[in-house]
């Protein structure tokens, strides 16, 4: 397969997955903002989204204060913000258009119709209709895109590059969501038990893991078990271990003479997840561990670009 074609497929899948995960992160932050709390605490949660996406400078150029409305506008529909949901859906469609002949009709129609509908939604329309409904729409369109891919595309190299992009992006974003929310939701007194349950439930629902948690643990929600589920569970589709397992498998199927080091890095990270214990991760500091994980995901993605895709400088 031509490296440019592989590049478009890889980034098409990353952008659609990124849009979905951003919708999940914004959704859980919005839900938690509805819980009684100080304005300062609520704004800290919104500021964390900007910081985690390294958008402080771009945000400050447009807004003087950090609050829910400004962050939502910036991250949902800002045309100049390349990390907004609007921009992610646009770039997913552009990459899909570039490899139209490689995609099935169902895949292209899904991607194209998603973008055509998204570009007609102004921020005011989204707010008036309900931001929660918009986030659900983004998640639904992403799921539809994955479904048409799994159900119609020949499972050849094109399929493996799409899955590789999806799983790599999902691992990165699950780590980001957990990193942003874990330390905000600290255990409080018994009088705040209901609030804590609501907030942890909202976090689990943001990664479609609430029912999964109940099935696996059959007990009250605790921070340690939430972290264990989203990091080490082998059967949870959005856990870091599940994603890295898929990354390694697809890298093995795509391997060439240049990809040995990238495969080694991915395999080493997966082994730590496969044989790791949540007690050891928490003992060393969850934030530090997740930061290191995201750095290593970036290096794996950079290695994939060098081994298979268009070099970063040429793509730029």
C-alpha atoms as a PDB file:
ATOM      1  CA  UNK A   1       0.000   0.000   0.000  1.00  0.00           C
ATOM      2  CA  UNK A   2       1.219   3.523  -0.808  1.00  0.00           C
ATOM      3  CA  UNK A   3       2.407   5.347   2.299  1.00  0.00           C
ATOM      4  CA  UNK A   4       0.216   8.366   1.524  1.00  0.00           C
ATOM      5  CA  UNK A   5      -2.894   6.178   1.308  1.00  0.00           C
ATOM      6  CA  UNK A   6      -1.984   4.502   4.595  1.00  0.00           C
ATOM      7  CA  UNK A   7      -1.401   7.937   6.110  1.00  0.00           C
ATOM      8  CA  UNK A   8      -4.892   9.161   5.145  1.00  0.00           C
ATOM      9  CA  UNK A   9      -6.539   5.997   6.511  1.00  0.00           C
ATOM     10  CA  UNK A  10      -4.577   6.169   9.759  1.00  0.00           C
ATOM     11  CA  UNK A  11      -5.443   9.820  10.406  1.00  0.00           C
ATOM     12  CA  UNK A  12      -9.035   9.461   9.228  1.00  0.00           C
ATOM     13  CA  UNK A  13      -9.614   6.909  11.972  1.00  0.00           C
ATOM     14  CA  UNK A  14      -7.678   8.937  14.551  1.00  0.00           C
ATOM     15  CA  UNK A  15      -9.695  12.082  13.914  1.00  0.00           C
ATOM     16  CA  UNK A  16     -13.074  10.369  14.136  1.00  0.00           C
ATOM     17  CA  UNK A  17     -11.989   8.615  17.342  1.00  0.00           C
ATOM     18  CA  UNK A  18     -10.592  11.896  18.682  1.00  0.00           C
ATOM     19  CA  UNK A  19     -13.909  13.661  18.061  1.00  0.00           C
ATOM     20  CA  UNK A  20     -15.733  10.938  19.964  1.00  0.00           C
ATOM     21  CA  UNK A  21     -13.365  10.945  22.899  1.00  0.00           C
ATOM     22  CA  UNK A  22     -13.403  14.734  23.106  1.00  0.00           C
ATOM     23  CA  UNK A  23     -17.191  14.552  23.198  1.00  0.00           C
ATOM     24  CA  UNK A  24     -16.897  12.031  26.054  1.00  0.00           C
ATOM     25  CA  UNK A  25     -14.472  14.255  28.000  1.00  0.00           C
ATOM     26  CA  UNK A  26     -16.610  17.374  27.547  1.00  0.00           C
ATOM     27  CA  UNK A  27     -19.767  15.440  28.381  1.00  0.00           C
ATOM     28  CA  UNK A  28     -18.488  14.140  31.716  1.00  0.00           C
ATOM     29  CA  UNK A  29     -17.138  17.598  32.630  1.00  0.00           C
ATOM     30  CA  UNK A  30     -20.462  19.181  31.736  1.00  0.00           C
ATOM     31  CA  UNK A  31     -22.375  16.587  33.781  1.00  0.00           C
ATOM     32  CA  UNK A  32     -20.119  17.139  36.776  1.00  0.00           C
ATOM     33  CA  UNK A  33     -20.570  20.906  36.475  1.00  0.00           C
ATOM     34  CA  UNK A  34     -24.259  20.354  37.284  1.00  0.00           C
ATOM     35  CA  UNK A  35     -23.355  18.999  40.725  1.00  0.00           C
ATOM     36  CA  UNK A  36     -23.426  21.685  43.480  1.00  0.00           C
ATOM     37  CA  UNK A  37     -19.887  23.045  43.856  1.00  0.00           C
ATOM     38  CA  UNK A  38     -18.001  26.312  43.976  1.00  0.00           C
ATOM     39  CA  UNK A  39     -17.512  28.272  40.768  1.00  0.00           C
ATOM     40  CA  UNK A  40     -13.745  28.014  41.228  1.00  0.00           C
ATOM     41  CA  UNK A  41     -13.862  24.210  41.412  1.00  0.00           C
ATOM     42  CA  UNK A  42     -16.031  23.994  38.304  1.00  0.00           C
ATOM     43  CA  UNK A  43     -13.751  26.295  36.330  1.00  0.00           C
ATOM     44  CA  UNK A  44     -10.700  24.253  37.365  1.00  0.00           C
ATOM     45  CA  UNK A  45     -12.253  21.218  35.680  1.00  0.00           C
ATOM     46  CA  UNK A  46     -12.830  23.199  32.479  1.00  0.00           C
ATOM     47  CA  UNK A  47      -9.280  24.590  32.614  1.00  0.00           C
ATOM     48  CA  UNK A  48      -7.912  21.047  32.923  1.00  0.00           C
ATOM     49  CA  UNK A  49      -9.379  20.181  29.502  1.00  0.00           C
ATOM     50  CA  UNK A  50      -7.530  23.086  27.891  1.00  0.00           C
ATOM     51  CA  UNK A  51      -4.279  22.214  29.670  1.00  0.00           C
ATOM     52  CA  UNK A  52      -4.445  18.512  28.849  1.00  0.00           C
ATOM     53  CA  UNK A  53      -4.800  19.313  25.139  1.00  0.00           C
ATOM     54  CA  UNK A  54      -1.942  21.877  25.340  1.00  0.00           C
ATOM     55  CA  UNK A  55      -4.211  24.665  24.114  1.00  0.00           C
ATOM     56  CA  UNK A  56      -3.591  27.304  26.781  1.00  0.00           C
ATOM     57  CA  UNK A  57      -2.009  29.800  24.378  1.00  0.00           C
ATOM     58  CA  UNK A  58      -4.646  29.354  21.672  1.00  0.00           C
ATOM     59  CA  UNK A  59      -7.443  29.631  24.227  1.00  0.00           C
ATOM     60  CA  UNK A  60      -5.976  32.736  25.865  1.00  0.00           C
ATOM     61  CA  UNK A  61      -5.804  34.441  22.472  1.00  0.00           C
ATOM     62  CA  UNK A  62      -9.610  34.273  22.248  1.00  0.00           C
ATOM     63  CA  UNK A  63     -10.929  34.300  25.816  1.00  0.00           C
ATOM     64  CA  UNK A  64      -9.974  36.196  28.961  1.00  0.00           C
ATOM     65  CA  UNK A  65     -11.618  33.826  31.415  1.00  0.00           C
ATOM     66  CA  UNK A  66     -12.001  30.054  31.722  1.00  0.00           C
ATOM     67  CA  UNK A  67     -15.577  28.919  32.213  1.00  0.00           C
ATOM     68  CA  UNK A  68     -17.918  26.263  30.890  1.00  0.00           C
ATOM     69  CA  UNK A  69     -19.463  28.281  28.076  1.00  0.00           C
ATOM     70  CA  UNK A  70     -16.144  29.522  26.696  1.00  0.00           C
ATOM     71  CA  UNK A  71     -14.448  26.110  26.851  1.00  0.00           C
ATOM     72  CA  UNK A  72     -17.428  24.388  25.243  1.00  0.00           C
ATOM     73  CA  UNK A  73     -17.525  26.934  22.421  1.00  0.00           C
ATOM     74  CA  UNK A  74     -13.772  26.617  21.902  1.00  0.00           C
ATOM     75  CA  UNK A  75     -13.668  22.813  22.000  1.00  0.00           C
ATOM     76  CA  UNK A  76     -16.940  22.072  20.187  1.00  0.00           C
ATOM     77  CA  UNK A  77     -17.338  24.432  17.263  1.00  0.00           C
ATOM     78  CA  UNK A  78     -14.323  26.744  16.944  1.00  0.00           C
ATOM     79  CA  UNK A  79     -13.201  26.651  13.298  1.00  0.00           C
ATOM     80  CA  UNK A  80      -9.709  27.937  14.154  1.00  0.00           C
ATOM     81  CA  UNK A  81      -9.075  25.350  16.864  1.00  0.00           C
ATOM     82  CA  UNK A  82      -7.700  22.277  15.109  1.00  0.00           C
ATOM     83  CA  UNK A  83      -8.526  20.181  18.179  1.00  0.00           C
ATOM     84  CA  UNK A  84     -12.243  21.073  18.285  1.00  0.00           C
ATOM     85  CA  UNK A  85     -14.905  18.495  17.482  1.00  0.00           C
ATOM     86  CA  UNK A  86     -15.817  20.534  14.386  1.00  0.00           C
ATOM     87  CA  UNK A  87     -12.216  20.432  13.102  1.00  0.00           C
ATOM     88  CA  UNK A  88     -11.779  16.730  13.886  1.00  0.00           C
ATOM     89  CA  UNK A  89     -14.896  15.794  11.909  1.00  0.00           C
ATOM     90  CA  UNK A  90     -13.815  18.034   9.031  1.00  0.00           C
ATOM     91  CA  UNK A  91     -10.325  16.531   8.868  1.00  0.00           C
ATOM     92  CA  UNK A  92     -11.703  12.987   9.155  1.00  0.00           C
ATOM     93  CA  UNK A  93     -13.879  13.664   6.131  1.00  0.00           C
ATOM     94  CA  UNK A  94     -11.002  15.278   4.193  1.00  0.00           C
ATOM     95  CA  UNK A  95      -8.775  12.262   4.783  1.00  0.00           C
ATOM     96  CA  UNK A  96     -11.625   9.941   3.780  1.00  0.00           C
ATOM     97  CA  UNK A  97     -12.172  11.937   0.581  1.00  0.00           C
ATOM     98  CA  UNK A  98      -8.490  11.599  -0.315  1.00  0.00           C
ATOM     99  CA  UNK A  99      -8.794   7.778  -0.264  1.00  0.00           C
ATOM    100  CA  UNK A 100     -12.375   7.530  -1.472  1.00  0.00           C
ATOM    101  CA  UNK A 101     -11.528   4.593  -3.728  1.00  0.00           C
ATOM    102  CA  UNK A 102     -10.161   2.563  -0.829  1.00  0.00           C
ATOM    103  CA  UNK A 103     -13.282   2.916   1.311  1.00  0.00           C
ATOM    104  CA  UNK A 104     -16.556   1.098   0.834  1.00  0.00           C
ATOM    105  CA  UNK A 105     -19.631   3.081  -0.199  1.00  0.00           C
ATOM    106  CA  UNK A 106     -21.141   2.709   3.262  1.00  0.00           C
ATOM    107  CA  UNK A 107     -17.987   4.023   4.948  1.00  0.00           C
ATOM    108  CA  UNK A 108     -17.780   7.069   2.692  1.00  0.00           C
ATOM    109  CA  UNK A 109     -21.465   7.925   3.006  1.00  0.00           C
ATOM    110  CA  UNK A 110     -21.272   7.669   6.782  1.00  0.00           C
ATOM    111  CA  UNK A 111     -18.196   9.903   7.003  1.00  0.00           C
ATOM    112  CA  UNK A 112     -19.493  12.416   4.492  1.00  0.00           C
ATOM    113  CA  UNK A 113     -22.992  12.712   5.958  1.00  0.00           C
ATOM    114  CA  UNK A 114     -21.523  13.147   9.437  1.00  0.00           C
ATOM    115  CA  UNK A 115     -19.508  16.133   8.263  1.00  0.00           C
ATOM    116  CA  UNK A 116     -22.371  17.635   6.245  1.00  0.00           C
ATOM    117  CA  UNK A 117     -24.604  17.515   9.299  1.00  0.00           C
ATOM    118  CA  UNK A 118     -21.912  18.777  11.681  1.00  0.00           C
ATOM    119  CA  UNK A 119     -21.073  21.861   9.639  1.00  0.00           C
ATOM    120  CA  UNK A 120     -24.691  23.016   9.786  1.00  0.00           C
ATOM    121  CA  UNK A 121     -24.718  23.063  13.603  1.00  0.00           C
ATOM    122  CA  UNK A 122     -23.806  26.420  15.109  1.00  0.00           C
ATOM    123  CA  UNK A 123     -22.794  26.583  18.756  1.00  0.00           C
ATOM    124  CA  UNK A 124     -26.019  28.406  19.615  1.00  0.00           C
ATOM    125  CA  UNK A 125     -28.070  25.662  17.956  1.00  0.00           C
ATOM    126  CA  UNK A 126     -26.128  22.994  19.845  1.00  0.00           C
ATOM    127  CA  UNK A 127     -26.720  24.726  23.196  1.00  0.00           C
ATOM    128  CA  UNK A 128     -30.404  25.332  22.517  1.00  0.00           C
ATOM    129  CA  UNK A 129     -30.937  21.696  21.543  1.00  0.00           C
ATOM    130  CA  UNK A 130     -28.861  20.481  24.502  1.00  0.00           C
ATOM    131  CA  UNK A 131     -25.100  19.930  24.564  1.00  0.00           C
ATOM    132  CA  UNK A 132     -25.642  16.454  26.009  1.00  0.00           C
ATOM    133  CA  UNK A 133     -27.679  15.477  22.948  1.00  0.00           C
ATOM    134  CA  UNK A 134     -24.912  16.782  20.685  1.00  0.00           C
ATOM    135  CA  UNK A 135     -22.278  14.711  22.481  1.00  0.00           C
ATOM    136  CA  UNK A 136     -24.470  11.634  22.121  1.00  0.00           C
ATOM    137  CA  UNK A 137     -24.800  12.391  18.402  1.00  0.00           C
ATOM    138  CA  UNK A 138     -21.005  12.569  18.005  1.00  0.00           C
ATOM    139  CA  UNK A 139     -20.573   9.241  19.816  1.00  0.00           C
ATOM    140  CA  UNK A 140     -23.289   7.667  17.690  1.00  0.00           C
ATOM    141  CA  UNK A 141     -21.753   8.851  14.415  1.00  0.00           C
ATOM    142  CA  UNK A 142     -18.341   7.561  15.491  1.00  0.00           C
ATOM    143  CA  UNK A 143     -19.853   4.188  16.393  1.00  0.00           C
ATOM    144  CA  UNK A 144     -21.617   4.105  13.035  1.00  0.00           C
ATOM    145  CA  UNK A 145     -18.319   4.791  11.288  1.00  0.00           C
ATOM    146  CA  UNK A 146     -16.646   1.917  13.149  1.00  0.00           C
ATOM    147  CA  UNK A 147     -19.575  -0.372  12.443  1.00  0.00           C
ATOM    148  CA  UNK A 148     -19.505   0.210   8.691  1.00  0.00           C
ATOM    149  CA  UNK A 149     -15.732  -0.329   8.724  1.00  0.00           C
ATOM    150  CA  UNK A 150     -15.946  -3.623  10.610  1.00  0.00           C
ATOM    151  CA  UNK A 151     -18.947  -4.790   8.624  1.00  0.00           C
ATOM    152  CA  UNK A 152     -18.018  -3.841   5.055  1.00  0.00           C
ATOM    153  CA  UNK A 153     -14.268  -3.336   4.602  1.00  0.00           C
ATOM    154  CA  UNK A 154     -11.957  -6.129   3.469  1.00  0.00           C
ATOM    155  CA  UNK A 155      -9.630  -6.923   6.365  1.00  0.00           C
ATOM    156  CA  UNK A 156      -6.433  -6.180   4.515  1.00  0.00           C
ATOM    157  CA  UNK A 157      -3.727  -3.550   5.103  1.00  0.00           C
ATOM    158  CA  UNK A 158      -6.240  -0.694   4.840  1.00  0.00           C
ATOM    159  CA  UNK A 159      -8.303  -2.211   7.642  1.00  0.00           C
ATOM    160  CA  UNK A 160      -5.246  -2.707   9.849  1.00  0.00           C
ATOM    161  CA  UNK A 161      -4.126   0.920   9.458  1.00  0.00           C
ATOM    162  CA  UNK A 162      -7.631   2.100  10.368  1.00  0.00           C
ATOM    163  CA  UNK A 163      -7.722  -0.110  13.469  1.00  0.00           C
ATOM    164  CA  UNK A 164      -4.215   0.955  14.415  1.00  0.00           C
ATOM    165  CA  UNK A 165      -5.196   4.623  14.314  1.00  0.00           C
ATOM    166  CA  UNK A 166      -8.432   4.017  16.232  1.00  0.00           C
ATOM    167  CA  UNK A 167      -6.836   2.036  19.061  1.00  0.00           C
ATOM    168  CA  UNK A 168      -3.815   4.312  19.433  1.00  0.00           C
ATOM    169  CA  UNK A 169      -6.043   7.386  19.671  1.00  0.00           C
ATOM    170  CA  UNK A 170      -8.425   5.650  22.077  1.00  0.00           C
ATOM    171  CA  UNK A 171      -5.606   4.639  24.417  1.00  0.00           C
ATOM    172  CA  UNK A 172      -4.283   8.188  24.503  1.00  0.00           C
ATOM    173  CA  UNK A 173      -7.706   9.686  25.187  1.00  0.00           C
ATOM    174  CA  UNK A 174      -8.735   7.173  27.852  1.00  0.00           C
ATOM    175  CA  UNK A 175      -5.531   8.076  29.680  1.00  0.00           C
ATOM    176  CA  UNK A 176      -6.361  11.773  29.317  1.00  0.00           C
ATOM    177  CA  UNK A 177      -9.906  11.394  30.628  1.00  0.00           C
ATOM    178  CA  UNK A 178      -8.691   9.373  33.622  1.00  0.00           C
ATOM    179  CA  UNK A 179      -5.854  11.808  34.307  1.00  0.00           C
ATOM    180  CA  UNK A 180      -8.155  14.852  34.221  1.00  0.00           C
ATOM    181  CA  UNK A 181     -10.887  13.382  36.411  1.00  0.00           C
ATOM    182  CA  UNK A 182      -9.220  10.974  38.844  1.00  0.00           C
ATOM    183  CA  UNK A 183      -7.660  13.562  41.146  1.00  0.00           C
ATOM    184  CA  UNK A 184     -10.662  15.892  41.008  1.00  0.00           C
ATOM    185  CA  UNK A 185     -12.945  13.189  42.398  1.00  0.00           C
ATOM    186  CA  UNK A 186     -11.444  12.533  45.791  1.00  0.00           C
ATOM    187  CA  UNK A 187     -13.406  10.711  48.515  1.00  0.00           C
ATOM    188  CA  UNK A 188     -15.329  13.043  50.839  1.00  0.00           C
ATOM    189  CA  UNK A 189     -17.409  12.588  53.936  1.00  0.00           C
ATOM    190  CA  UNK A 190     -20.501  10.451  54.223  1.00  0.00           C
ATOM    191  CA  UNK A 191     -22.722  13.481  53.669  1.00  0.00           C
ATOM    192  CA  UNK A 192     -21.322  13.764  50.127  1.00  0.00           C
ATOM    193  CA  UNK A 193     -21.551  10.061  49.327  1.00  0.00           C
ATOM    194  CA  UNK A 194     -24.422  10.572  46.861  1.00  0.00           C
ATOM    195  CA  UNK A 195     -22.502  13.299  45.048  1.00  0.00           C
ATOM    196  CA  UNK A 196     -19.386  11.136  44.862  1.00  0.00           C
ATOM    197  CA  UNK A 197     -21.425   8.256  43.444  1.00  0.00           C
ATOM    198  CA  UNK A 198     -22.933  10.543  40.792  1.00  0.00           C
ATOM    199  CA  UNK A 199     -19.540  11.908  39.765  1.00  0.00           C
ATOM    200  CA  UNK A 200     -17.825   8.523  39.564  1.00  0.00           C
ATOM    201  CA  UNK A 201     -20.836   7.190  37.683  1.00  0.00           C
ATOM    202  CA  UNK A 202     -20.570  10.078  35.225  1.00  0.00           C
ATOM    203  CA  UNK A 203     -16.892   9.307  34.675  1.00  0.00           C
ATOM    204  CA  UNK A 204     -17.622   5.644  33.993  1.00  0.00           C
ATOM    205  CA  UNK A 205     -20.485   6.521  31.649  1.00  0.00           C
ATOM    206  CA  UNK A 206     -18.166   8.855  29.723  1.00  0.00           C
ATOM    207  CA  UNK A 207     -16.202   5.795  28.593  1.00  0.00           C
ATOM    208  CA  UNK A 208     -19.255   3.499  28.382  1.00  0.00           C
ATOM    209  CA  UNK A 209     -18.052   1.563  31.420  1.00  0.00           C
ATOM    210  CA  UNK A 210     -20.773   1.999  34.051  1.00  0.00           C
ATOM    211  CA  UNK A 211     -22.543  -1.309  33.321  1.00  0.00           C
ATOM    212  CA  UNK A 212     -19.183  -3.010  32.797  1.00  0.00           C
ATOM    213  CA  UNK A 213     -18.029  -1.864  36.246  1.00  0.00           C
ATOM    214  CA  UNK A 214     -21.159  -3.276  37.861  1.00  0.00           C
ATOM    215  CA  UNK A 215     -20.685  -6.592  36.087  1.00  0.00           C
ATOM    216  CA  UNK A 216     -16.998  -6.920  36.966  1.00  0.00           C
ATOM    217  CA  UNK A 217     -16.991  -5.722  40.587  1.00  0.00           C
ATOM    218  CA  UNK A 218     -20.644  -5.938  41.770  1.00  0.00           C
ATOM    219  CA  UNK A 219     -19.831  -3.441  44.517  1.00  0.00           C
ATOM    220  CA  UNK A 220     -19.677   0.265  45.310  1.00  0.00           C
ATOM    221  CA  UNK A 221     -17.636   2.453  42.983  1.00  0.00           C
ATOM    222  CA  UNK A 222     -14.146   3.196  44.317  1.00  0.00           C
ATOM    223  CA  UNK A 223     -11.365   5.256  42.680  1.00  0.00           C
ATOM    224  CA  UNK A 224      -8.905   2.364  42.749  1.00  0.00           C
ATOM    225  CA  UNK A 225     -11.259  -0.004  40.935  1.00  0.00           C
ATOM    226  CA  UNK A 226     -12.172   2.620  38.356  1.00  0.00           C
ATOM    227  CA  UNK A 227      -8.471   3.047  37.604  1.00  0.00           C
ATOM    228  CA  UNK A 228      -7.954  -0.715  37.486  1.00  0.00           C
ATOM    229  CA  UNK A 229     -10.866  -1.175  35.079  1.00  0.00           C
ATOM    230  CA  UNK A 230      -9.738   1.573  32.687  1.00  0.00           C
ATOM    231  CA  UNK A 231      -6.063   0.640  32.780  1.00  0.00           C
ATOM    232  CA  UNK A 232      -5.610  -3.102  33.289  1.00  0.00           C
ATOM    233  CA  UNK A 233      -8.826  -4.889  32.337  1.00  0.00           C
ATOM    234  CA  UNK A 234      -8.196  -7.067  29.275  1.00  0.00           C
ATOM    235  CA  UNK A 235     -11.846  -7.261  28.153  1.00  0.00           C
ATOM    236  CA  UNK A 236     -12.915  -3.621  28.540  1.00  0.00           C
ATOM    237  CA  UNK A 237     -12.902  -2.129  24.983  1.00  0.00           C
ATOM    238  CA  UNK A 238     -11.644   1.265  26.154  1.00  0.00           C
ATOM    239  CA  UNK A 239      -9.051   0.134  28.666  1.00  0.00           C
ATOM    240  CA  UNK A 240      -5.394   0.875  28.024  1.00  0.00           C
ATOM    241  CA  UNK A 241      -4.513  -2.828  28.062  1.00  0.00           C
ATOM    242  CA  UNK A 242      -7.200  -3.717  25.506  1.00  0.00           C
ATOM    243  CA  UNK A 243      -6.094  -0.900  23.193  1.00  0.00           C
ATOM    244  CA  UNK A 244      -2.389  -1.738  23.375  1.00  0.00           C
ATOM    245  CA  UNK A 245      -3.125  -5.397  22.723  1.00  0.00           C
ATOM    246  CA  UNK A 246      -4.827  -4.346  19.477  1.00  0.00           C
ATOM    247  CA  UNK A 247      -2.008  -1.960  18.583  1.00  0.00           C
ATOM    248  CA  UNK A 248       0.577  -4.731  18.941  1.00  0.00           C
ATOM    249  CA  UNK A 249      -1.490  -7.218  16.904  1.00  0.00           C
ATOM    250  CA  UNK A 250      -2.026  -4.770  14.040  1.00  0.00           C
ATOM    251  CA  UNK A 251       1.616  -3.716  14.075  1.00  0.00           C
ATOM    252  CA  UNK A 252       2.631  -7.371  13.789  1.00  0.00           C
ATOM    253  CA  UNK A 253       0.358  -7.790  10.758  1.00  0.00           C
ATOM    254  CA  UNK A 254       1.796  -4.654   9.123  1.00  0.00           C
ATOM    255  CA  UNK A 255       5.441  -5.165  10.099  1.00  0.00           C
ATOM    256  CA  UNK A 256       8.193  -4.347   7.622  1.00  0.00           C
ATOM    257  CA  UNK A 257      11.963  -4.033   7.667  1.00  0.00           C
ATOM    258  CA  UNK A 258      11.818  -0.673   9.470  1.00  0.00           C
ATOM    259  CA  UNK A 259       9.178  -1.269  12.115  1.00  0.00           C
ATOM    260  CA  UNK A 260      11.032  -3.494  14.584  1.00  0.00           C
ATOM    261  CA  UNK A 261      11.784  -0.752  17.117  1.00  0.00           C
ATOM    262  CA  UNK A 262       8.233   0.601  17.085  1.00  0.00           C
ATOM    263  CA  UNK A 263       6.851  -2.906  17.600  1.00  0.00           C
ATOM    264  CA  UNK A 264       9.314  -3.449  20.456  1.00  0.00           C
ATOM    265  CA  UNK A 265       8.183  -0.237  22.183  1.00  0.00           C
ATOM    266  CA  UNK A 266       4.506  -1.136  21.781  1.00  0.00           C
ATOM    267  CA  UNK A 267       5.127  -4.698  22.986  1.00  0.00           C
ATOM    268  CA  UNK A 268       7.060  -3.497  26.019  1.00  0.00           C
ATOM    269  CA  UNK A 269       4.270  -1.095  27.006  1.00  0.00           C
ATOM    270  CA  UNK A 270       1.647  -3.794  26.505  1.00  0.00           C
ATOM    271  CA  UNK A 271       3.634  -6.224  28.666  1.00  0.00           C
ATOM    272  CA  UNK A 272       3.648  -3.714  31.526  1.00  0.00           C
ATOM    273  CA  UNK A 273      -0.117  -3.446  31.250  1.00  0.00           C
ATOM    274  CA  UNK A 274      -0.618  -7.192  30.947  1.00  0.00           C
ATOM    275  CA  UNK A 275       1.453  -8.061  34.005  1.00  0.00           C
ATOM    276  CA  UNK A 276       1.018  -4.839  35.997  1.00  0.00           C
ATOM    277  CA  UNK A 277      -0.895  -4.404  39.258  1.00  0.00           C
ATOM    278  CA  UNK A 278      -2.962  -1.356  40.111  1.00  0.00           C
ATOM    279  CA  UNK A 279      -1.372  -1.191  43.575  1.00  0.00           C
ATOM    280  CA  UNK A 280       2.063  -0.590  42.034  1.00  0.00           C
ATOM    281  CA  UNK A 281       0.715   2.023  39.606  1.00  0.00           C
ATOM    282  CA  UNK A 282      -1.048   3.984  42.359  1.00  0.00           C
ATOM    283  CA  UNK A 283       1.925   3.685  44.711  1.00  0.00           C
ATOM    284  CA  UNK A 284       4.207   5.434  42.221  1.00  0.00           C
ATOM    285  CA  UNK A 285       1.560   8.086  41.470  1.00  0.00           C
ATOM    286  CA  UNK A 286      -1.242   7.725  38.930  1.00  0.00           C
ATOM    287  CA  UNK A 287      -0.663  11.124  37.324  1.00  0.00           C
ATOM    288  CA  UNK A 288       3.022  10.400  36.805  1.00  0.00           C
ATOM    289  CA  UNK A 289       2.259   6.959  35.393  1.00  0.00           C
ATOM    290  CA  UNK A 290      -0.372   8.290  32.984  1.00  0.00           C
ATOM    291  CA  UNK A 291       1.919  11.119  31.862  1.00  0.00           C
ATOM    292  CA  UNK A 292       4.630   8.590  31.064  1.00  0.00           C
ATOM    293  CA  UNK A 293       2.058   6.413  29.267  1.00  0.00           C
ATOM    294  CA  UNK A 294       0.920   9.303  27.064  1.00  0.00           C
ATOM    295  CA  UNK A 295       4.526  10.195  26.251  1.00  0.00           C
ATOM    296  CA  UNK A 296       5.160   6.614  25.163  1.00  0.00           C
ATOM    297  CA  UNK A 297       1.963   6.539  23.076  1.00  0.00           C
ATOM    298  CA  UNK A 298       3.218   9.659  21.305  1.00  0.00           C
ATOM    299  CA  UNK A 299       6.559   7.979  20.586  1.00  0.00           C
ATOM    300  CA  UNK A 300       4.782   4.893  19.203  1.00  0.00           C
ATOM    301  CA  UNK A 301       2.633   7.085  16.958  1.00  0.00           C
ATOM    302  CA  UNK A 302       5.712   8.960  15.783  1.00  0.00           C
ATOM    303  CA  UNK A 303       7.422   5.636  15.074  1.00  0.00           C
ATOM    304  CA  UNK A 304       4.438   4.453  13.029  1.00  0.00           C
ATOM    305  CA  UNK A 305       4.635   7.635  10.954  1.00  0.00           C
ATOM    306  CA  UNK A 306       8.325   7.044  10.242  1.00  0.00           C
ATOM    307  CA  UNK A 307       7.944   3.328   9.525  1.00  0.00           C
ATOM    308  CA  UNK A 308       4.800   3.274   7.381  1.00  0.00           C
ATOM    309  CA  UNK A 309       3.324   6.682   6.675  1.00  0.00           C
ATOM    310  CA  UNK A 310       4.232  10.053   5.229  1.00  0.00           C
ATOM    311  CA  UNK A 311       7.093  11.613   7.234  1.00  0.00           C
ATOM    312  CA  UNK A 312       5.899  14.327   9.596  1.00  0.00           C
ATOM    313  CA  UNK A 313       7.814  17.148   7.880  1.00  0.00           C
ATOM    314  CA  UNK A 314       6.491  16.142   4.454  1.00  0.00           C
ATOM    315  CA  UNK A 315       2.935  15.863   5.763  1.00  0.00           C
ATOM    316  CA  UNK A 316       3.217  19.333   7.265  1.00  0.00           C
END
